[in-house]
């Protein structure tokens, strides 16, 4: 678990090469069937952690983040009969319930703003993304 935590921290590193490599290593971990039961605990946090990299200016970072997001969302949670990180899809599309306002939104004007990252990815100028 410490290994996954340190790699998750590397996703937010300022250097693009570190972000790409940490995404690739985490992707390999999530694809191993032996790690399925332990990895489902980290799946949502990994998926939400990649959202910032999906808006990165480097297309290689965006591609690595998309691959890790896909793997963490589609990781099977057999007890719930769904993907382990599917709750992160709401953050990807910027969904916010109508009459729900967080307490932090009263103090920070940027807190209530949600961004539809999926729409940005669809309109990406790089064809490989």
N, C-alpha and C. Protein backbone atom coordinates (compact mmCIF):
# COMPACT_ATOMS: atom_id res chain seq x y z
N UNK A 1 0.82 -1.20 0.00
CA UNK A 1 0.00 0.00 0.00
C UNK A 1 0.87 1.26 0.00
N UNK A 2 2.01 1.24 0.67
CA UNK A 2 2.90 2.40 0.66
C UNK A 2 3.44 2.66 -0.74
N UNK A 3 3.66 1.57 -1.48
CA UNK A 3 4.14 1.68 -2.85
C UNK A 3 3.10 2.39 -3.72
N UNK A 4 1.85 2.02 -3.57
CA UNK A 4 0.77 2.65 -4.34
C UNK A 4 0.61 4.10 -3.92
N UNK A 5 0.72 4.40 -2.63
CA UNK A 5 0.62 5.78 -2.16
C UNK A 5 1.73 6.65 -2.74
N UNK A 6 2.94 6.13 -2.78
CA UNK A 6 4.04 6.93 -3.33
C UNK A 6 3.89 7.13 -4.83
N UNK A 7 3.41 6.11 -5.54
CA UNK A 7 3.17 6.29 -6.97
C UNK A 7 2.01 7.24 -7.23
N UNK A 8 1.01 7.20 -6.36
CA UNK A 8 -0.11 8.12 -6.49
C UNK A 8 0.36 9.55 -6.27
N UNK A 9 1.29 9.74 -5.38
CA UNK A 9 1.85 11.07 -5.16
C UNK A 9 2.67 11.53 -6.36
N UNK A 10 3.32 10.58 -7.03
CA UNK A 10 4.12 10.92 -8.22
C UNK A 10 3.24 11.37 -9.39
N UNK A 11 1.96 11.02 -9.38
CA UNK A 11 1.06 11.47 -10.43
C UNK A 11 0.95 12.99 -10.42
N UNK A 12 1.11 13.59 -9.26
CA UNK A 12 1.01 15.05 -9.13
C UNK A 12 2.38 15.75 -9.19
N UNK A 13 3.40 15.04 -9.59
CA UNK A 13 4.74 15.59 -9.69
C UNK A 13 4.79 16.63 -10.81
N UNK A 14 5.62 17.67 -10.68
CA UNK A 14 5.67 18.69 -11.73
C UNK A 14 6.34 18.22 -13.03
N UNK A 15 7.11 17.14 -12.99
CA UNK A 15 7.81 16.68 -14.18
C UNK A 15 6.96 15.70 -14.98
N UNK A 16 6.75 15.95 -16.27
CA UNK A 16 5.89 15.08 -17.08
C UNK A 16 6.37 13.64 -17.17
N UNK A 17 7.69 13.43 -17.21
CA UNK A 17 8.21 12.06 -17.32
C UNK A 17 7.86 11.23 -16.10
N UNK A 18 7.90 11.87 -14.93
CA UNK A 18 7.56 11.17 -13.69
C UNK A 18 6.07 10.83 -13.68
N UNK A 19 5.24 11.74 -14.15
CA UNK A 19 3.80 11.48 -14.23
C UNK A 19 3.50 10.30 -15.14
N UNK A 20 4.16 10.28 -16.29
CA UNK A 20 3.92 9.22 -17.27
C UNK A 20 4.35 7.87 -16.72
N UNK A 21 5.53 7.81 -16.13
CA UNK A 21 6.03 6.53 -15.60
C UNK A 21 5.21 6.04 -14.42
N UNK A 22 4.79 6.94 -13.54
CA UNK A 22 3.97 6.49 -12.41
C UNK A 22 2.62 5.99 -12.90
N UNK A 23 2.06 6.62 -13.92
CA UNK A 23 0.80 6.12 -14.49
C UNK A 23 0.99 4.75 -15.11
N UNK A 24 2.10 4.55 -15.79
CA UNK A 24 2.36 3.24 -16.42
C UNK A 24 2.57 2.13 -15.39
N UNK A 25 3.27 2.42 -14.32
CA UNK A 25 3.49 1.41 -13.28
C UNK A 25 2.18 1.07 -12.59
N UNK A 26 1.40 2.10 -12.25
CA UNK A 26 0.10 1.86 -11.62
C UNK A 26 -0.84 1.10 -12.55
N UNK A 27 -0.75 1.38 -13.83
CA UNK A 27 -1.55 0.66 -14.82
C UNK A 27 -1.19 -0.82 -14.84
N UNK A 28 0.08 -1.13 -14.77
CA UNK A 28 0.52 -2.53 -14.73
C UNK A 28 0.03 -3.21 -13.45
N UNK A 29 0.05 -2.50 -12.34
CA UNK A 29 -0.43 -3.08 -11.08
C UNK A 29 -1.92 -3.37 -11.16
N UNK A 30 -2.69 -2.45 -11.70
CA UNK A 30 -4.14 -2.64 -11.78
C UNK A 30 -4.53 -3.77 -12.73
N UNK A 31 -3.70 -4.05 -13.69
CA UNK A 31 -4.03 -5.11 -14.67
C UNK A 31 -3.65 -6.51 -14.20
N UNK A 32 -2.96 -6.61 -13.08
CA UNK A 32 -2.59 -7.92 -12.55
C UNK A 32 -3.78 -8.51 -11.80
N UNK A 33 -4.22 -9.72 -12.15
CA UNK A 33 -5.36 -10.32 -11.45
C UNK A 33 -5.08 -10.60 -9.97
N UNK A 34 -3.82 -10.82 -9.60
CA UNK A 34 -3.48 -11.09 -8.21
C UNK A 34 -3.69 -9.86 -7.33
N UNK A 35 -3.64 -8.67 -7.90
CA UNK A 35 -3.77 -7.43 -7.15
C UNK A 35 -5.20 -6.90 -7.12
N UNK A 36 -6.13 -7.63 -7.74
CA UNK A 36 -7.49 -7.13 -7.91
C UNK A 36 -8.17 -6.78 -6.59
N UNK A 37 -8.07 -7.66 -5.61
CA UNK A 37 -8.77 -7.41 -4.34
C UNK A 37 -8.17 -6.22 -3.58
N UNK A 38 -6.87 -6.07 -3.62
CA UNK A 38 -6.24 -4.95 -2.93
C UNK A 38 -6.33 -3.66 -3.69
N UNK A 39 -6.33 -3.75 -5.01
CA UNK A 39 -6.33 -2.53 -5.83
C UNK A 39 -7.68 -1.85 -5.85
N UNK A 40 -8.75 -2.59 -5.59
CA UNK A 40 -10.06 -1.94 -5.64
C UNK A 40 -10.24 -0.91 -4.52
N UNK A 41 -9.43 -1.00 -3.47
CA UNK A 41 -9.47 -0.01 -2.40
C UNK A 41 -8.94 1.34 -2.91
N UNK A 42 -7.97 1.30 -3.80
CA UNK A 42 -7.33 2.52 -4.31
C UNK A 42 -7.95 3.02 -5.61
N UNK A 43 -8.87 2.28 -6.19
CA UNK A 43 -9.33 2.56 -7.55
C UNK A 43 -9.94 3.95 -7.70
N UNK A 44 -10.84 4.35 -6.82
CA UNK A 44 -11.48 5.66 -6.95
C UNK A 44 -10.47 6.78 -6.74
N UNK A 45 -9.59 6.64 -5.76
CA UNK A 45 -8.60 7.67 -5.50
C UNK A 45 -7.63 7.82 -6.67
N UNK A 46 -7.26 6.72 -7.30
CA UNK A 46 -6.39 6.79 -8.46
C UNK A 46 -7.11 7.46 -9.63
N UNK A 47 -8.37 7.12 -9.83
CA UNK A 47 -9.13 7.71 -10.92
C UNK A 47 -9.28 9.22 -10.74
N UNK A 48 -9.62 9.64 -9.53
CA UNK A 48 -9.77 11.08 -9.26
C UNK A 48 -8.42 11.78 -9.35
N UNK A 49 -7.35 11.10 -8.95
CA UNK A 49 -6.02 11.69 -9.03
C UNK A 49 -5.54 11.94 -10.45
N UNK A 50 -6.06 11.21 -11.40
CA UNK A 50 -5.64 11.39 -12.79
C UNK A 50 -6.38 12.52 -13.50
N UNK A 51 -7.46 13.01 -12.91
CA UNK A 51 -8.27 14.02 -13.59
C UNK A 51 -7.49 15.30 -13.89
N UNK A 52 -6.64 15.72 -13.00
CA UNK A 52 -5.82 16.90 -13.25
C UNK A 52 -4.86 16.72 -14.40
N UNK A 53 -4.36 15.52 -14.57
CA UNK A 53 -3.43 15.25 -15.67
C UNK A 53 -4.13 15.14 -17.01
N UNK A 54 -5.42 14.96 -17.01
CA UNK A 54 -6.15 14.92 -18.28
C UNK A 54 -6.26 16.30 -18.90
N UNK A 55 -5.92 17.33 -18.15
CA UNK A 55 -5.90 18.70 -18.67
C UNK A 55 -4.47 19.21 -18.84
N UNK A 56 -3.50 18.32 -18.76
CA UNK A 56 -2.09 18.70 -18.89
C UNK A 56 -1.79 19.13 -20.32
N UNK A 57 -0.81 20.00 -20.50
CA UNK A 57 -0.50 20.49 -21.85
C UNK A 57 0.25 19.46 -22.69
N UNK A 58 0.91 18.49 -22.06
CA UNK A 58 1.65 17.46 -22.78
C UNK A 58 0.69 16.32 -23.15
N UNK A 59 0.56 16.00 -24.44
CA UNK A 59 -0.39 14.94 -24.82
C UNK A 59 -0.01 13.55 -24.30
N UNK A 60 1.27 13.30 -24.09
CA UNK A 60 1.68 12.00 -23.55
C UNK A 60 1.20 11.82 -22.11
N UNK A 61 1.20 12.91 -21.36
CA UNK A 61 0.69 12.86 -19.98
C UNK A 61 -0.82 12.63 -20.01
N UNK A 62 -1.51 13.30 -20.92
CA UNK A 62 -2.95 13.10 -21.03
C UNK A 62 -3.30 11.66 -21.41
N UNK A 63 -2.54 11.09 -22.32
CA UNK A 63 -2.80 9.71 -22.74
C UNK A 63 -2.55 8.74 -21.59
N UNK A 64 -1.46 8.93 -20.85
CA UNK A 64 -1.16 8.05 -19.71
C UNK A 64 -2.24 8.19 -18.64
N UNK A 65 -2.74 9.40 -18.43
CA UNK A 65 -3.79 9.62 -17.44
C UNK A 65 -5.10 8.96 -17.87
N UNK A 66 -5.41 9.03 -19.15
CA UNK A 66 -6.63 8.40 -19.66
C UNK A 66 -6.56 6.89 -19.49
N UNK A 67 -5.41 6.31 -19.80
CA UNK A 67 -5.25 4.85 -19.65
C UNK A 67 -5.39 4.41 -18.20
N UNK A 68 -4.79 5.17 -17.28
CA UNK A 68 -4.90 4.83 -15.86
C UNK A 68 -6.33 5.03 -15.36
N UNK A 69 -7.00 6.08 -15.82
CA UNK A 69 -8.38 6.32 -15.43
C UNK A 69 -9.27 5.16 -15.89
N UNK A 70 -9.08 4.74 -17.13
CA UNK A 70 -9.87 3.64 -17.67
C UNK A 70 -9.65 2.35 -16.88
N UNK A 71 -8.40 2.07 -16.54
CA UNK A 71 -8.09 0.85 -15.79
C UNK A 71 -8.65 0.90 -14.37
N UNK A 72 -8.59 2.06 -13.74
CA UNK A 72 -9.08 2.14 -12.36
C UNK A 72 -10.60 2.14 -12.29
N UNK A 73 -11.26 2.69 -13.28
CA UNK A 73 -12.72 2.68 -13.30
C UNK A 73 -13.25 1.30 -13.64
N UNK A 74 -12.58 0.61 -14.54
CA UNK A 74 -13.07 -0.70 -14.99
C UNK A 74 -12.55 -1.86 -14.14
N UNK A 75 -11.81 -1.58 -13.10
CA UNK A 75 -11.35 -2.64 -12.20
C UNK A 75 -12.56 -3.28 -11.53
N UNK A 76 -12.76 -4.59 -11.67
CA UNK A 76 -14.00 -5.19 -11.17
C UNK A 76 -14.08 -5.22 -9.64
N UNK A 77 -15.24 -4.82 -9.15
CA UNK A 77 -15.59 -4.98 -7.74
C UNK A 77 -16.71 -6.01 -7.71
N UNK A 78 -16.34 -7.25 -7.53
CA UNK A 78 -17.27 -8.35 -7.68
C UNK A 78 -18.37 -8.34 -6.60
N UNK A 79 -18.09 -7.77 -5.45
CA UNK A 79 -19.10 -7.72 -4.39
C UNK A 79 -20.25 -6.76 -4.76
N UNK A 80 -19.92 -5.68 -5.44
CA UNK A 80 -20.95 -4.70 -5.81
C UNK A 80 -21.42 -4.85 -7.26
N UNK A 81 -20.79 -5.76 -8.00
CA UNK A 81 -21.13 -6.03 -9.40
C UNK A 81 -21.01 -4.77 -10.27
N UNK A 82 -19.94 -4.02 -10.07
CA UNK A 82 -19.67 -2.84 -10.88
C UNK A 82 -18.18 -2.56 -10.83
N UNK A 83 -17.76 -1.53 -11.52
CA UNK A 83 -16.36 -1.14 -11.48
C UNK A 83 -16.01 -0.50 -10.16
N UNK A 84 -14.80 -0.70 -9.70
CA UNK A 84 -14.40 -0.21 -8.38
C UNK A 84 -14.30 1.31 -8.32
N UNK A 85 -13.96 1.95 -9.41
CA UNK A 85 -13.79 3.40 -9.39
C UNK A 85 -14.84 4.16 -10.16
N UNK A 86 -16.02 3.58 -10.33
CA UNK A 86 -17.04 4.22 -11.17
C UNK A 86 -17.56 5.55 -10.61
N UNK A 87 -17.40 5.80 -9.32
CA UNK A 87 -17.85 7.07 -8.76
C UNK A 87 -17.06 8.25 -9.34
N UNK A 88 -15.87 7.99 -9.86
CA UNK A 88 -15.03 9.06 -10.41
C UNK A 88 -15.55 9.56 -11.75
N UNK A 89 -16.44 8.82 -12.38
CA UNK A 89 -16.99 9.26 -13.67
C UNK A 89 -17.78 10.55 -13.49
N UNK A 90 -18.44 10.70 -12.35
CA UNK A 90 -19.18 11.94 -12.09
C UNK A 90 -18.24 13.14 -12.05
N UNK A 91 -17.05 12.96 -11.50
CA UNK A 91 -16.06 14.04 -11.47
C UNK A 91 -15.52 14.31 -12.87
N UNK A 92 -15.42 13.28 -13.71
CA UNK A 92 -14.91 13.43 -15.06
C UNK A 92 -15.83 14.32 -15.90
N UNK A 93 -17.12 14.14 -15.76
CA UNK A 93 -18.06 14.94 -16.55
C UNK A 93 -18.49 16.22 -15.84
N UNK A 94 -17.99 16.45 -14.64
CA UNK A 94 -18.29 17.68 -13.91
C UNK A 94 -19.70 17.73 -13.38
N UNK A 95 -20.25 16.59 -13.02
CA UNK A 95 -21.63 16.53 -12.53
C UNK A 95 -21.72 17.11 -11.12
N UNK A 96 -22.76 17.88 -10.90
CA UNK A 96 -23.05 18.41 -9.58
C UNK A 96 -24.56 18.41 -9.40
N UNK A 97 -25.02 17.89 -8.28
CA UNK A 97 -26.45 17.85 -8.03
C UNK A 97 -27.00 19.26 -7.91
N UNK A 98 -28.26 19.42 -8.26
CA UNK A 98 -28.86 20.75 -8.35
C UNK A 98 -28.86 21.51 -7.04
N UNK A 99 -29.40 20.95 -6.01
CA UNK A 99 -29.59 21.67 -4.75
C UNK A 99 -28.56 21.33 -3.69
N UNK A 100 -27.42 20.84 -4.09
CA UNK A 100 -26.37 20.49 -3.14
C UNK A 100 -25.22 21.48 -3.30
N UNK A 101 -24.86 22.10 -2.21
CA UNK A 101 -23.78 23.08 -2.21
C UNK A 101 -22.86 22.75 -1.05
N UNK A 102 -21.58 22.64 -1.33
CA UNK A 102 -20.65 22.30 -0.26
C UNK A 102 -20.42 23.51 0.64
N UNK A 103 -20.00 23.26 1.85
CA UNK A 103 -19.74 24.33 2.81
C UNK A 103 -18.57 25.19 2.33
N UNK A 104 -17.61 24.57 1.69
CA UNK A 104 -16.45 25.32 1.21
C UNK A 104 -16.82 26.34 0.15
N UNK A 105 -17.92 26.13 -0.56
CA UNK A 105 -18.35 27.07 -1.60
C UNK A 105 -18.75 28.42 -1.02
N UNK A 106 -19.11 28.47 0.25
CA UNK A 106 -19.44 29.73 0.89
C UNK A 106 -18.19 30.59 1.12
N UNK A 107 -17.04 29.96 1.24
CA UNK A 107 -15.81 30.67 1.55
C UNK A 107 -14.89 30.84 0.36
N UNK A 108 -15.03 29.97 -0.64
CA UNK A 108 -14.16 30.02 -1.81
C UNK A 108 -15.04 30.01 -3.06
N UNK A 109 -14.95 31.03 -3.87
CA UNK A 109 -15.83 31.12 -5.03
C UNK A 109 -15.49 30.09 -6.10
N UNK A 110 -14.26 29.62 -6.14
CA UNK A 110 -13.88 28.63 -7.16
C UNK A 110 -14.24 27.21 -6.75
N UNK A 111 -14.68 27.01 -5.54
CA UNK A 111 -14.96 25.66 -5.04
C UNK A 111 -16.18 25.05 -5.71
N UNK A 112 -17.19 25.82 -6.01
CA UNK A 112 -18.41 25.30 -6.59
C UNK A 112 -18.33 25.08 -8.09
N UNK A 113 -17.20 25.43 -8.71
CA UNK A 113 -17.05 25.31 -10.15
C UNK A 113 -16.60 23.89 -10.48
N UNK A 114 -17.31 23.28 -11.42
CA UNK A 114 -16.89 21.96 -11.88
C UNK A 114 -16.64 22.02 -13.38
N UNK A 115 -15.65 21.28 -13.83
CA UNK A 115 -15.23 21.32 -15.23
C UNK A 115 -15.53 19.98 -15.87
N UNK A 116 -16.11 20.01 -17.06
CA UNK A 116 -16.38 18.80 -17.82
C UNK A 116 -15.11 18.42 -18.58
N UNK A 117 -14.29 17.60 -17.96
CA UNK A 117 -13.01 17.21 -18.53
C UNK A 117 -13.22 16.32 -19.75
N UNK A 118 -14.28 15.52 -19.74
CA UNK A 118 -14.56 14.64 -20.88
C UNK A 118 -14.82 15.46 -22.13
N UNK A 119 -15.52 16.57 -22.01
CA UNK A 119 -15.78 17.43 -23.17
C UNK A 119 -14.49 18.04 -23.70
N UNK A 120 -13.57 18.38 -22.81
CA UNK A 120 -12.28 18.90 -23.25
C UNK A 120 -11.48 17.84 -23.99
N UNK A 121 -11.54 16.60 -23.51
CA UNK A 121 -10.81 15.53 -24.16
C UNK A 121 -11.38 15.21 -25.54
N UNK A 122 -12.68 15.31 -25.67
CA UNK A 122 -13.32 15.04 -26.96
C UNK A 122 -12.89 16.08 -27.98
N UNK A 123 -12.69 17.31 -27.55
CA UNK A 123 -12.30 18.37 -28.46
C UNK A 123 -10.78 18.56 -28.55
N UNK A 124 -10.02 17.62 -28.05
CA UNK A 124 -8.56 17.75 -28.05
C UNK A 124 -8.03 17.83 -29.49
N UNK A 125 -7.03 18.69 -29.69
CA UNK A 125 -6.47 18.87 -31.02
C UNK A 125 -5.52 17.75 -31.43
N UNK A 126 -5.00 17.03 -30.46
CA UNK A 126 -4.08 15.93 -30.76
C UNK A 126 -4.91 14.67 -31.06
N UNK A 127 -4.76 14.07 -32.23
CA UNK A 127 -5.59 12.92 -32.59
C UNK A 127 -5.30 11.66 -31.77
N UNK A 128 -4.12 11.56 -31.18
CA UNK A 128 -3.81 10.37 -30.39
C UNK A 128 -4.51 10.38 -29.04
N UNK A 129 -4.95 11.54 -28.57
CA UNK A 129 -5.68 11.64 -27.31
C UNK A 129 -7.10 11.22 -27.57
